[in-house]
């Protein structure tokens, strides 16, 4: 979740910003994070019990990058 006060991206379910300690509004979306391919731009939402380390690369061979929120890579 991005802090509205300072703009810092915080891990999910944090109550206060890790940078400025402002109170965070918890997102309605509960997410396990997303893996985004650096080559083709495809993405996969991690399911309960899955970890980013469980995945080596995209089907196209590209490197996968982890993001907590969809807004981080859709901007």
Protein backbone atom coordinates (compact mmCIF):
# COMPACT_ATOMS: atom_id res chain seq x y z
CA UNK A 1 0.00 0.00 0.00
CA UNK A 2 1.32 3.40 -0.96
CA UNK A 3 1.38 6.01 1.81
CA UNK A 4 -0.80 9.00 0.92
CA UNK A 5 1.43 11.32 2.97
CA UNK A 6 4.94 10.49 1.68
CA UNK A 7 4.35 8.12 -1.26
CA UNK A 8 6.37 5.20 0.18
CA UNK A 9 5.25 1.73 -0.92
CA UNK A 10 4.60 -0.38 2.20
CA UNK A 11 4.16 -4.15 2.58
CA UNK A 12 0.59 -5.46 2.80
CA UNK A 13 -1.34 -5.26 6.06
CA UNK A 14 0.98 -2.67 7.62
CA UNK A 15 -0.93 -0.21 9.79
CA UNK A 16 1.65 2.58 9.72
CA UNK A 17 4.04 3.78 7.01
CA UNK A 18 7.57 2.39 7.31
CA UNK A 19 9.01 5.78 6.31
CA UNK A 20 6.92 8.54 7.91
CA UNK A 21 4.80 6.51 10.38
CA UNK A 22 1.52 7.91 9.00
CA UNK A 23 -1.59 5.77 9.51
CA UNK A 24 -2.31 3.67 6.41
CA UNK A 25 -5.73 2.86 5.06
CA UNK A 26 -5.79 -0.89 4.42
CA UNK A 27 -6.70 -1.77 0.83
CA UNK A 28 -9.90 -3.62 0.11
CA UNK A 29 -7.94 -6.02 -2.08
CA UNK A 30 -6.06 -8.69 -0.14
CA UNK A 31 -3.18 -9.80 -2.31
CA UNK A 32 -0.34 -12.28 -2.18
CA UNK A 33 1.53 -10.20 -4.73
CA UNK A 34 2.21 -10.35 -8.45
CA UNK A 35 4.99 -11.59 -10.69
CA UNK A 36 5.56 -9.46 -13.78
CA UNK A 37 7.69 -10.47 -16.76
CA UNK A 38 10.38 -7.94 -17.69
CA UNK A 39 10.26 -9.11 -21.33
CA UNK A 40 6.63 -9.62 -22.37
CA UNK A 41 4.91 -7.61 -19.59
CA UNK A 42 2.63 -10.50 -18.65
CA UNK A 43 1.75 -10.89 -15.00
CA UNK A 44 0.56 -13.58 -12.60
CA UNK A 45 -1.21 -13.06 -9.27
CA UNK A 46 0.32 -15.33 -6.65
CA UNK A 47 -2.16 -17.66 -4.98
CA UNK A 48 -2.38 -18.59 -1.30
CA UNK A 49 0.69 -20.60 -0.33
CA UNK A 50 2.75 -19.61 -3.38
CA UNK A 51 6.02 -17.68 -3.07
CA UNK A 52 7.89 -15.66 -5.71
CA UNK A 53 10.81 -18.07 -5.27
CA UNK A 54 8.59 -20.90 -6.55
CA UNK A 55 8.91 -19.46 -10.09
CA UNK A 56 12.11 -19.38 -12.16
CA UNK A 57 11.08 -17.39 -15.23
CA UNK A 58 8.18 -16.45 -17.47
CA UNK A 59 6.98 -18.86 -20.17
CA UNK A 60 8.65 -16.52 -22.69
CA UNK A 61 11.97 -16.88 -20.84
CA UNK A 62 11.90 -13.39 -19.33
CA UNK A 63 12.90 -12.52 -15.77
CA UNK A 64 10.07 -12.21 -13.24
CA UNK A 65 9.84 -9.19 -10.94
CA UNK A 66 7.75 -9.26 -7.74
CA UNK A 67 5.29 -6.50 -6.81
CA UNK A 68 2.87 -6.39 -3.87
CA UNK A 69 0.21 -4.36 -5.69
CA UNK A 70 -1.08 -4.20 -9.25
CA UNK A 71 -0.91 -0.40 -9.19
CA UNK A 72 2.90 -0.56 -8.88
CA UNK A 73 3.41 -2.06 -12.32
CA UNK A 74 0.30 -0.78 -14.09
CA UNK A 75 1.28 2.90 -13.63
